Amino acid sequence: EAKGKYLAFLDVDDLWLPQKLEEQLRVFKNSKKKLAFVYGRTEVLYQNNPSRNFIHLKDEVLPSGNIFPLLAKENFITFSSVIVDKNIFFECGGFPKHFKSSTDHWIYLNMSKKYDVGASQSLCCKYRLHNNNTTYSHLIRGAKESLEALNNFDKDEVIKIGLKHHKVNLAIMNIKEYNFFGA
């Protein structure tokens, strides 16, 4: 139903900062290459413990260009921080209908496999972390879906490394979700 050239996503419990869209559209406009999407820096807000709040990747330059190998290892991009080229989004498969937790990772992998990605180094959104987050409450399902997303690609070295990282992540999520150590 969207009529514009771009799509941007905002989960009900997250916040965009006022300059987000303008800055990210500038990255699209100033790029010499066709970009699939542009993302930005995110502040993570802990609903029940604000002293734990932090800015994700605060002291690092957010990677841009061919970031597929990085995304194969880890989904480091917050969904609310992204604006996508609508045509590329649908060309690359759009939303996976059967995913519930790692929809964003699926999208990023499929788009970044074919196209470059832009990054705005500015803080653009705030992601609230609480016990009712889909991400937080379905850790195992999310880890399994990320493995499934990677299994859709030819098993080159990048994918093999990514699968290893996500298998370790699945083991960690099992420990966290089932609280094996009483933490």
N, C-alpha and C. Protein backbone atom coordinates (compact mmCIF):
# COMPACT_ATOMS: atom_id res chain seq x y z
N GLU A 1 0.80 -1.21 0.00
CA GLU A 1 0.00 0.00 0.00
C GLU A 1 0.84 1.27 0.00
N ALA A 2 2.11 1.17 0.42
CA ALA A 2 2.96 2.36 0.48
C ALA A 2 3.18 2.93 -0.92
N LYS A 3 3.10 4.22 -1.04
CA LYS A 3 3.20 4.88 -2.35
C LYS A 3 4.58 5.47 -2.63
N GLY A 4 5.38 5.69 -1.60
CA GLY A 4 6.67 6.35 -1.77
C GLY A 4 7.76 5.43 -2.28
N LYS A 5 8.93 5.99 -2.45
CA LYS A 5 10.10 5.26 -2.94
C LYS A 5 10.77 4.45 -1.84
N TYR A 6 10.55 4.84 -0.59
CA TYR A 6 11.21 4.20 0.54
C TYR A 6 10.19 3.70 1.55
N LEU A 7 10.63 2.71 2.34
CA LEU A 7 9.86 2.20 3.46
C LEU A 7 10.72 2.35 4.71
N ALA A 8 10.08 2.74 5.80
CA ALA A 8 10.78 2.82 7.08
C ALA A 8 9.89 2.13 8.11
N PHE A 9 10.51 1.57 9.11
CA PHE A 9 9.79 0.73 10.07
C PHE A 9 9.93 1.31 11.48
N LEU A 10 8.84 1.30 12.20
CA LEU A 10 8.86 1.79 13.57
C LEU A 10 7.97 0.88 14.41
N ASP A 11 8.62 0.09 15.25
CA ASP A 11 7.87 -0.77 16.17
C ASP A 11 7.16 0.10 17.20
N VAL A 12 6.06 -0.39 17.71
CA VAL A 12 5.19 0.39 18.58
C VAL A 12 5.89 0.89 19.84
N ASP A 13 6.91 0.18 20.31
CA ASP A 13 7.56 0.59 21.55
C ASP A 13 8.90 1.30 21.33
N ASP A 14 9.24 1.60 20.08
CA ASP A 14 10.49 2.30 19.78
C ASP A 14 10.22 3.76 19.42
N LEU A 15 11.30 4.54 19.33
CA LEU A 15 11.18 5.97 19.02
C LEU A 15 12.16 6.36 17.93
N TRP A 16 11.73 7.22 17.01
CA TRP A 16 12.62 7.84 16.05
C TRP A 16 13.01 9.20 16.57
N LEU A 17 14.23 9.62 16.32
CA LEU A 17 14.64 10.98 16.61
C LEU A 17 14.23 11.86 15.43
N PRO A 18 14.01 13.16 15.67
CA PRO A 18 13.43 14.03 14.64
C PRO A 18 14.19 14.08 13.31
N GLN A 19 15.52 13.95 13.32
CA GLN A 19 16.30 14.10 12.09
C GLN A 19 16.52 12.79 11.34
N LYS A 20 16.00 11.67 11.85
CA LYS A 20 16.29 10.35 11.31
C LYS A 20 16.07 10.25 9.80
N LEU A 21 14.87 10.48 9.36
CA LEU A 21 14.54 10.29 7.95
C LEU A 21 15.33 11.23 7.04
N GLU A 22 15.44 12.48 7.43
CA GLU A 22 16.16 13.46 6.62
C GLU A 22 17.62 13.05 6.43
N GLU A 23 18.28 12.63 7.51
CA GLU A 23 19.69 12.24 7.42
C GLU A 23 19.86 10.98 6.58
N GLN A 24 18.96 10.03 6.75
CA GLN A 24 19.10 8.78 6.00
C GLN A 24 18.79 8.97 4.52
N LEU A 25 17.83 9.82 4.21
CA LEU A 25 17.56 10.12 2.80
C LEU A 25 18.77 10.82 2.17
N ARG A 26 19.46 11.63 2.94
CA ARG A 26 20.68 12.28 2.44
C ARG A 26 21.74 11.24 2.10
N VAL A 27 21.86 10.19 2.92
CA VAL A 27 22.82 9.12 2.61
C VAL A 27 22.46 8.44 1.29
N PHE A 28 21.17 8.14 1.09
CA PHE A 28 20.73 7.57 -0.19
C PHE A 28 21.12 8.50 -1.34
N LYS A 29 20.78 9.77 -1.20
CA LYS A 29 21.00 10.75 -2.26
C LYS A 29 22.47 10.93 -2.59
N ASN A 30 23.34 10.95 -1.59
CA ASN A 30 24.76 11.23 -1.79
C ASN A 30 25.59 10.00 -2.18
N SER A 31 24.98 8.84 -2.17
CA SER A 31 25.72 7.62 -2.50
C SER A 31 25.98 7.52 -4.00
N LYS A 32 27.17 7.11 -4.36
CA LYS A 32 27.51 6.89 -5.76
C LYS A 32 27.02 5.52 -6.23
N LYS A 33 26.69 4.64 -5.28
CA LYS A 33 26.19 3.30 -5.59
C LYS A 33 24.72 3.21 -5.21
N LYS A 34 24.04 2.25 -5.81
CA LYS A 34 22.64 2.00 -5.47
C LYS A 34 22.61 1.29 -4.12
N LEU A 35 21.92 1.86 -3.15
CA LEU A 35 21.85 1.29 -1.81
C LEU A 35 20.52 0.57 -1.60
N ALA A 36 20.58 -0.57 -0.95
CA ALA A 36 19.37 -1.31 -0.60
C ALA A 36 18.67 -0.67 0.58
N PHE A 37 19.47 -0.29 1.58
CA PHE A 37 18.91 0.35 2.76
C PHE A 37 19.96 1.17 3.46
N VAL A 38 19.49 2.04 4.33
CA VAL A 38 20.36 2.86 5.18
C VAL A 38 19.90 2.64 6.61
N TYR A 39 20.85 2.49 7.50
CA TYR A 39 20.53 2.34 8.92
C TYR A 39 21.34 3.35 9.72
N GLY A 40 21.03 3.44 11.00
CA GLY A 40 21.74 4.40 11.85
C GLY A 40 21.97 3.85 13.24
N ARG A 41 22.54 4.67 14.05
CA ARG A 41 22.89 4.31 15.42
C ARG A 41 21.65 4.26 16.30
N THR A 42 21.65 3.35 17.27
CA THR A 42 20.50 3.11 18.13
C THR A 42 20.88 3.20 19.60
N GLU A 43 20.02 3.85 20.38
CA GLU A 43 20.17 3.81 21.83
C GLU A 43 19.23 2.73 22.36
N VAL A 44 19.78 1.83 23.17
CA VAL A 44 19.00 0.76 23.77
C VAL A 44 18.57 1.21 25.15
N LEU A 45 17.26 1.19 25.38
CA LEU A 45 16.68 1.63 26.65
C LEU A 45 16.12 0.42 27.39
N TYR A 46 16.64 0.18 28.58
CA TYR A 46 16.13 -0.91 29.41
C TYR A 46 14.98 -0.38 30.26
N GLN A 47 13.80 -0.84 29.97
CA GLN A 47 12.59 -0.38 30.63
C GLN A 47 12.67 -0.51 32.15
N ASN A 48 13.18 -1.65 32.62
CA ASN A 48 13.18 -1.92 34.05
C ASN A 48 14.50 -1.58 34.74
N ASN A 49 15.48 -1.09 33.98
CA ASN A 49 16.77 -0.78 34.58
C ASN A 49 17.50 0.27 33.74
N PRO A 50 17.06 1.53 33.79
CA PRO A 50 17.65 2.59 32.96
C PRO A 50 19.15 2.77 33.13
N SER A 51 19.72 2.33 34.22
CA SER A 51 21.17 2.47 34.41
C SER A 51 21.95 1.60 33.40
N ARG A 52 21.28 0.65 32.76
CA ARG A 52 21.92 -0.22 31.76
C ARG A 52 21.81 0.35 30.34
N ASN A 53 21.10 1.47 30.15
CA ASN A 53 20.94 2.04 28.81
C ASN A 53 22.30 2.28 28.16
N PHE A 54 22.37 2.10 26.83
CA PHE A 54 23.62 2.35 26.12
C PHE A 54 23.32 2.64 24.65
N ILE A 55 24.29 3.24 23.99
CA ILE A 55 24.21 3.47 22.55
C ILE A 55 24.99 2.35 21.88
N HIS A 56 24.28 1.57 21.06
CA HIS A 56 24.87 0.42 20.38
C HIS A 56 25.96 0.87 19.41
N LEU A 57 27.12 0.24 19.51
CA LEU A 57 28.28 0.54 18.65
C LEU A 57 28.69 2.01 18.74
N LYS A 58 28.58 2.58 19.92
CA LYS A 58 28.81 4.01 20.14
C LYS A 58 30.16 4.50 19.64
N ASP A 59 31.20 3.77 19.93
CA ASP A 59 32.55 4.24 19.61
C ASP A 59 33.11 3.62 18.33
N GLU A 60 32.24 3.04 17.51
CA GLU A 60 32.68 2.41 16.27
C GLU A 60 32.05 3.13 15.08
N VAL A 61 32.72 3.07 13.95
CA VAL A 61 32.14 3.57 12.71
C VAL A 61 31.20 2.48 12.21
N LEU A 62 29.95 2.85 11.99
CA LEU A 62 28.99 1.87 11.49
C LEU A 62 29.40 1.44 10.09
N PRO A 63 29.48 0.13 9.84
CA PRO A 63 29.93 -0.34 8.53
C PRO A 63 28.91 -0.05 7.44
N SER A 64 29.44 0.20 6.24
CA SER A 64 28.58 0.41 5.08
C SER A 64 29.21 -0.29 3.89
N GLY A 65 28.54 -0.23 2.74
CA GLY A 65 29.04 -0.92 1.55
C GLY A 65 28.58 -2.36 1.56
N ASN A 66 29.51 -3.28 1.29
CA ASN A 66 29.18 -4.70 1.31
C ASN A 66 29.28 -5.21 2.74
N ILE A 67 28.16 -5.22 3.43
CA ILE A 67 28.16 -5.66 4.83
C ILE A 67 27.59 -7.06 4.99
N PHE A 68 27.32 -7.74 3.88
CA PHE A 68 26.76 -9.09 3.95
C PHE A 68 27.59 -10.02 4.85
N PRO A 69 28.92 -10.07 4.71
CA PRO A 69 29.69 -10.97 5.59
C PRO A 69 29.51 -10.67 7.08
N LEU A 70 29.39 -9.39 7.42
CA LEU A 70 29.16 -9.03 8.83
C LEU A 70 27.77 -9.45 9.30
N LEU A 71 26.77 -9.25 8.44
CA LEU A 71 25.40 -9.64 8.80
C LEU A 71 25.24 -11.15 8.85
N ALA A 72 26.05 -11.87 8.09
CA ALA A 72 25.98 -13.33 8.15
C ALA A 72 26.39 -13.82 9.54
N LYS A 73 27.30 -13.09 10.18
CA LYS A 73 27.76 -13.47 11.52
C LYS A 73 26.82 -12.99 12.62
N GLU A 74 26.26 -11.79 12.43
CA GLU A 74 25.47 -11.19 13.51
C GLU A 74 24.53 -10.13 12.95
N ASN A 75 23.32 -10.12 13.45
CA ASN A 75 22.39 -9.05 13.10
C ASN A 75 22.62 -7.90 14.07
N PHE A 76 23.38 -6.92 13.65
CA PHE A 76 23.76 -5.80 14.51
C PHE A 76 22.94 -4.55 14.22
N ILE A 77 21.91 -4.66 13.37
CA ILE A 77 21.12 -3.51 12.96
C ILE A 77 19.73 -3.58 13.59
N THR A 78 19.33 -2.49 14.23
CA THR A 78 17.99 -2.40 14.82
C THR A 78 16.98 -2.07 13.73
N PHE A 79 15.87 -2.79 13.73
CA PHE A 79 14.86 -2.64 12.68
C PHE A 79 14.34 -1.21 12.57
N SER A 80 14.11 -0.57 13.68
CA SER A 80 13.58 0.80 13.66
C SER A 80 14.59 1.82 13.14
N SER A 81 15.84 1.42 12.98
CA SER A 81 16.85 2.35 12.49
C SER A 81 16.97 2.33 10.97
N VAL A 82 16.17 1.52 10.30
CA VAL A 82 16.35 1.26 8.87
C VAL A 82 15.32 1.99 8.02
N ILE A 83 15.79 2.43 6.84
CA ILE A 83 14.91 2.87 5.77
C ILE A 83 15.37 2.13 4.52
N VAL A 84 14.43 1.51 3.80
CA VAL A 84 14.79 0.67 2.66
C VAL A 84 14.26 1.25 1.35
N ASP A 85 14.96 0.93 0.27
CA ASP A 85 14.46 1.23 -1.06
C ASP A 85 13.32 0.24 -1.32
N LYS A 86 12.11 0.73 -1.53
CA LYS A 86 10.93 -0.13 -1.64
C LYS A 86 11.05 -1.14 -2.77
N ASN A 87 11.55 -0.72 -3.92
CA ASN A 87 11.67 -1.64 -5.06
C ASN A 87 12.64 -2.77 -4.77
N ILE A 88 13.78 -2.44 -4.17
CA ILE A 88 14.76 -3.48 -3.83
C ILE A 88 14.21 -4.40 -2.75
N PHE A 89 13.50 -3.83 -1.79
CA PHE A 89 12.88 -4.62 -0.72
C PHE A 89 12.00 -5.73 -1.33
N PHE A 90 11.13 -5.37 -2.26
CA PHE A 90 10.24 -6.37 -2.86
C PHE A 90 10.99 -7.28 -3.83
N GLU A 91 11.95 -6.73 -4.55
CA GLU A 91 12.77 -7.55 -5.45
C GLU A 91 13.47 -8.67 -4.68
N CYS A 92 13.90 -8.37 -3.46
CA CYS A 92 14.64 -9.33 -2.64
C CYS A 92 13.74 -10.19 -1.77
N GLY A 93 12.44 -10.13 -1.99
CA GLY A 93 11.54 -11.05 -1.30
C GLY A 93 10.64 -10.44 -0.25
N GLY A 94 10.84 -9.18 0.12
CA GLY A 94 9.97 -8.55 1.12
C GLY A 94 10.03 -9.27 2.46
N PHE A 95 8.92 -9.24 3.16
CA PHE A 95 8.83 -9.89 4.47
C PHE A 95 8.67 -11.40 4.30
N PRO A 96 9.43 -12.19 5.03
CA PRO A 96 9.20 -13.64 5.02
C PRO A 96 7.92 -13.93 5.81
N LYS A 97 6.99 -14.61 5.22
CA LYS A 97 5.68 -14.83 5.85
C LYS A 97 5.75 -15.74 7.08
N HIS A 98 6.68 -16.66 7.11
CA HIS A 98 6.72 -17.66 8.18
C HIS A 98 7.63 -17.29 9.34
N PHE A 99 8.34 -16.18 9.25
CA PHE A 99 9.21 -15.75 10.35
C PHE A 99 8.41 -14.92 11.35
N LYS A 100 8.74 -15.08 12.61
CA LYS A 100 8.08 -14.31 13.67
C LYS A 100 9.05 -13.41 14.42
N SER A 101 10.33 -13.80 14.51
CA SER A 101 11.29 -13.08 15.34
C SER A 101 12.44 -12.46 14.56
N SER A 102 12.90 -13.09 13.51
CA SER A 102 14.09 -12.62 12.79
C SER A 102 13.77 -12.11 11.39
N THR A 103 12.59 -11.53 11.25
CA THR A 103 12.17 -10.95 9.98
C THR A 103 13.21 -9.95 9.47
N ASP A 104 13.69 -9.10 10.37
CA ASP A 104 14.66 -8.07 9.97
C ASP A 104 15.95 -8.69 9.46
N HIS A 105 16.45 -9.71 10.12
CA HIS A 105 17.69 -10.34 9.69
C HIS A 105 17.53 -10.93 8.28
N TRP A 106 16.43 -11.58 8.04
CA TRP A 106 16.12 -12.14 6.72
C TRP A 106 16.19 -11.04 5.65
N ILE A 107 15.53 -9.93 5.93
CA ILE A 107 15.49 -8.81 4.98
C ILE A 107 16.90 -8.27 4.74
N TYR A 108 17.64 -8.02 5.80
CA TYR A 108 18.99 -7.45 5.66
C TYR A 108 19.89 -8.38 4.85
N LEU A 109 19.83 -9.67 5.15
CA LEU A 109 20.68 -10.63 4.43
C LEU A 109 20.34 -10.63 2.94
N ASN A 110 19.07 -10.75 2.61
CA ASN A 110 18.67 -10.83 1.21
C ASN A 110 19.00 -9.55 0.45
N MET A 111 18.83 -8.41 1.08
CA MET A 111 19.11 -7.14 0.40
C MET A 111 20.61 -6.89 0.29
N SER A 112 21.36 -7.17 1.37
CA SER A 112 22.80 -6.87 1.36
C SER A 112 23.59 -7.87 0.53
N LYS A 113 23.02 -9.00 0.21
CA LYS A 113 23.69 -9.97 -0.66
C LYS A 113 23.83 -9.40 -2.08
N LYS A 114 22.85 -8.60 -2.49
CA LYS A 114 22.82 -8.09 -3.86
C LYS A 114 23.25 -6.62 -3.98
N TYR A 115 23.10 -5.85 -2.91
CA TYR A 115 23.32 -4.41 -2.98
C TYR A 115 24.16 -3.92 -1.81
N ASP A 116 24.74 -2.74 -1.99
CA ASP A 116 25.45 -2.08 -0.90
C ASP A 116 24.45 -1.50 0.09
N VAL A 117 24.95 -1.20 1.28
CA VAL A 117 24.16 -0.66 2.37
C VAL A 117 24.81 0.64 2.84
N GLY A 118 24.00 1.62 3.18
CA GLY A 118 24.51 2.88 3.71
C GLY A 118 24.31 2.95 5.22
N ALA A 119 25.12 3.78 5.85
CA ALA A 119 25.01 3.97 7.30
C ALA A 119 25.09 5.45 7.62
N SER A 120 24.15 5.90 8.43
CA SER A 120 24.20 7.24 8.99
C SER A 120 24.84 7.09 10.37
N GLN A 121 25.89 7.83 10.62
CA GLN A 121 26.62 7.67 11.88
C GLN A 121 25.92 8.32 13.07
N SER A 122 24.83 9.02 12.80
CA SER A 122 24.10 9.72 13.87
C SER A 122 23.16 8.78 14.61
N LEU A 123 22.91 9.12 15.85
CA LEU A 123 21.89 8.44 16.63
C LEU A 123 20.55 8.76 15.97
N CYS A 124 19.78 7.73 15.61
CA CYS A 124 18.54 7.98 14.88
C CYS A 124 17.30 7.42 15.58
N CYS A 125 17.48 6.48 16.49
CA CYS A 125 16.30 5.91 17.14
C CYS A 125 16.64 5.36 18.52
N LYS A 126 15.57 5.05 19.24
CA LYS A 126 15.70 4.45 20.57
C LYS A 126 14.88 3.17 20.59
N TYR A 127 15.53 2.11 21.01
CA TYR A 127 14.94 0.77 21.05
C TYR A 127 14.69 0.39 22.50
N ARG A 128 13.44 0.15 22.83
CA ARG A 128 13.10 -0.20 24.22
C ARG A 128 13.18 -1.70 24.40
N LEU A 129 13.90 -2.10 25.43
CA LEU A 129 14.06 -3.51 25.76
C LEU A 129 13.31 -3.79 27.06
N HIS A 130 12.37 -4.70 26.97
CA HIS A 130 11.57 -5.06 28.14
C HIS A 130 11.12 -6.51 27.99
N ASN A 131 10.51 -7.04 29.01
CA ASN A 131 10.15 -8.47 29.03
C ASN A 131 9.11 -8.85 27.98
N ASN A 132 8.39 -7.90 27.41
CA ASN A 132 7.38 -8.21 26.42
C ASN A 132 7.87 -8.08 24.98
N ASN A 133 9.15 -7.70 24.77
CA ASN A 133 9.69 -7.64 23.41
C ASN A 133 9.62 -9.02 22.76
N THR A 134 9.26 -9.05 21.50
CA THR A 134 9.31 -10.31 20.76
C THR A 134 10.73 -10.85 20.75
N THR A 135 11.70 -9.98 20.54
CA THR A 135 13.10 -10.38 20.51
C THR A 135 13.49 -11.02 21.84
N TYR A 136 13.13 -10.37 22.92
CA TYR A 136 13.53 -10.83 24.25
C TYR A 136 12.81 -12.12 24.64
N SER A 137 11.53 -12.21 24.32
CA SER A 137 10.74 -13.34 24.80
C SER A 137 10.84 -14.57 23.91
N HIS A 138 11.44 -14.45 22.74
CA HIS A 138 11.54 -15.60 21.82
C HIS A 138 12.96 -15.75 21.31
N LEU A 139 13.90 -15.81 22.23
CA LEU A 139 15.31 -15.86 21.87
C LEU A 139 15.66 -17.08 21.03
N ILE A 140 15.14 -18.23 21.42
CA ILE A 140 15.46 -19.47 20.70
C ILE A 140 14.87 -19.44 19.30
N ARG A 141 13.62 -19.03 19.17
CA ARG A 141 12.99 -18.96 17.85
C ARG A 141 13.77 -18.00 16.94
N GLY A 142 14.17 -16.86 17.48
CA GLY A 142 14.95 -15.90 16.70
C GLY A 142 16.27 -16.48 16.22
N ALA A 143 16.96 -17.20 17.08
CA ALA A 143 18.23 -17.82 16.70
C ALA A 143 18.02 -18.88 15.62
N LYS A 144 16.96 -19.66 15.75
CA LYS A 144 16.65 -20.68 14.73
C LYS A 144 16.29 -20.04 13.40
N GLU A 145 15.54 -18.96 13.44
CA GLU A 145 15.17 -18.28 12.20
C GLU A 145 16.38 -17.67 11.51
N SER A 146 17.32 -17.13 12.27
CA SER A 146 18.55 -16.61 11.66
C SER A 146 19.33 -17.73 10.98
N LEU A 147 19.38 -18.90 11.59
CA LEU A 147 20.03 -20.05 10.95
C LEU A 147 19.30 -20.43 9.66
N GLU A 148 17.98 -20.43 9.71
CA GLU A 148 17.20 -20.75 8.51
C GLU A 148 17.46 -19.73 7.40
N ALA A 149 17.53 -18.46 7.75
CA ALA A 149 17.80 -17.43 6.75
C ALA A 149 19.15 -17.68 6.07
N LEU A 150 20.17 -17.99 6.85
CA LEU A 150 21.49 -18.25 6.28
C LEU A 150 21.51 -19.50 5.42
N ASN A 151 20.71 -20.50 5.78
CA ASN A 151 20.67 -21.74 5.01
C ASN A 151 20.07 -21.57 3.63
N ASN A 152 19.48 -20.42 3.33
CA ASN A 152 18.93 -20.15 2.00
C ASN A 152 20.01 -19.75 0.99
N PHE A 153 21.24 -19.52 1.45
CA PHE A 153 22.32 -19.10 0.58
C PHE A 153 23.26 -20.27 0.30
N ASP A 154 23.97 -20.19 -0.83
CA ASP A 154 24.99 -21.19 -1.13
C ASP A 154 26.02 -21.21 -0.01
N LYS A 155 26.50 -22.39 0.32
CA LYS A 155 27.39 -22.56 1.47
C LYS A 155 28.83 -22.18 1.15
N ASP A 156 29.06 -20.90 0.87
CA ASP A 156 30.43 -20.43 0.69
C ASP A 156 31.05 -20.19 2.06
N GLU A 157 32.28 -19.70 2.09
CA GLU A 157 32.98 -19.52 3.37
C GLU A 157 32.27 -18.52 4.29
N VAL A 158 31.72 -17.45 3.73
CA VAL A 158 31.01 -16.44 4.53
C VAL A 158 29.81 -17.08 5.23
N ILE A 159 29.05 -17.88 4.52
CA ILE A 159 27.87 -18.53 5.10
C ILE A 159 28.29 -19.57 6.13
N LYS A 160 29.32 -20.33 5.85
CA LYS A 160 29.79 -21.34 6.82
C LYS A 160 30.19 -20.68 8.13
N ILE A 161 30.91 -19.56 8.04
CA ILE A 161 31.32 -18.83 9.26
C ILE A 161 30.08 -18.29 9.97
N GLY A 162 29.14 -17.72 9.21
CA GLY A 162 27.90 -17.21 9.80
C GLY A 162 27.11 -18.30 10.50
N LEU A 163 27.02 -19.47 9.87
CA LEU A 163 26.29 -20.59 10.49
C LEU A 163 26.93 -21.00 11.82
N LYS A 164 28.25 -21.01 11.85
CA LYS A 164 28.93 -21.36 13.11
C LYS A 164 28.59 -20.34 14.20
N HIS A 165 28.64 -19.06 13.86
CA HIS A 165 28.31 -18.01 14.84
C HIS A 165 26.87 -18.17 15.34
N HIS A 166 25.95 -18.44 14.45
CA HIS A 166 24.55 -18.54 14.85
C HIS A 166 24.24 -19.83 15.60
N LYS A 167 24.99 -20.88 15.36
CA LYS A 167 24.81 -22.11 16.16
C LYS A 167 25.26 -21.86 17.60
N VAL A 168 26.36 -21.14 17.76
CA VAL A 168 26.80 -20.77 19.11
C VAL A 168 25.75 -19.88 19.76
N ASN A 169 25.21 -18.92 18.99
CA ASN A 169 24.17 -18.04 19.52
C ASN A 169 22.94 -18.85 19.96
N LEU A 170 22.56 -19.85 19.18
CA LEU A 170 21.42 -20.70 19.55
C LEU A 170 21.69 -21.40 20.87
N ALA A 171 22.90 -21.90 21.05
CA ALA A 171 23.24 -22.56 22.32
C ALA A 171 23.13 -21.58 23.48
N ILE A 172 23.63 -20.37 23.28
CA ILE A 172 23.55 -19.35 24.33
C ILE A 172 22.09 -19.00 24.63
N MET A 173 21.27 -18.86 23.59
CA MET A 173 19.86 -18.52 23.79
C MET A 173 19.14 -19.64 24.55
N ASN A 174 19.50 -20.89 24.28
CA ASN A 174 18.92 -22.00 25.04
C ASN A 174 19.26 -21.89 26.51
N ILE A 175 20.49 -21.55 26.79
CA ILE A 175 20.91 -21.39 28.19
C ILE A 175 20.15 -20.24 28.84
N LYS A 176 20.05 -19.10 28.13
CA LYS A 176 19.35 -17.94 28.69
C LYS A 176 17.87 -18.23 28.89
N GLU A 177 17.22 -18.79 27.90
CA GLU A 177 15.78 -18.98 27.98
C GLU A 177 15.39 -20.01 29.03
N TYR A 178 16.20 -21.05 29.15
CA TYR A 178 15.86 -22.09 30.12
C TYR A 178 16.51 -21.87 31.47
N ASN A 179 17.31 -20.79 31.59
CA ASN A 179 17.87 -20.39 32.87
C ASN A 179 18.57 -21.53 33.58
N PHE A 180 19.46 -22.23 32.85
CA PHE A 180 20.17 -23.39 33.38
C PHE A 180 20.98 -23.10 34.62
N PHE A 181 21.49 -21.87 34.71
CA PHE A 181 22.40 -21.57 35.81
C PHE A 181 21.75 -20.75 36.91
N GLY A 182 20.45 -20.59 36.86
CA GLY A 182 19.73 -19.87 37.91
C GLY A 182 20.04 -18.40 37.96
N ALA A 183 20.50 -17.83 36.85
CA ALA A 183 20.85 -16.40 36.82
C ALA A 183 19.62 -15.54 36.72
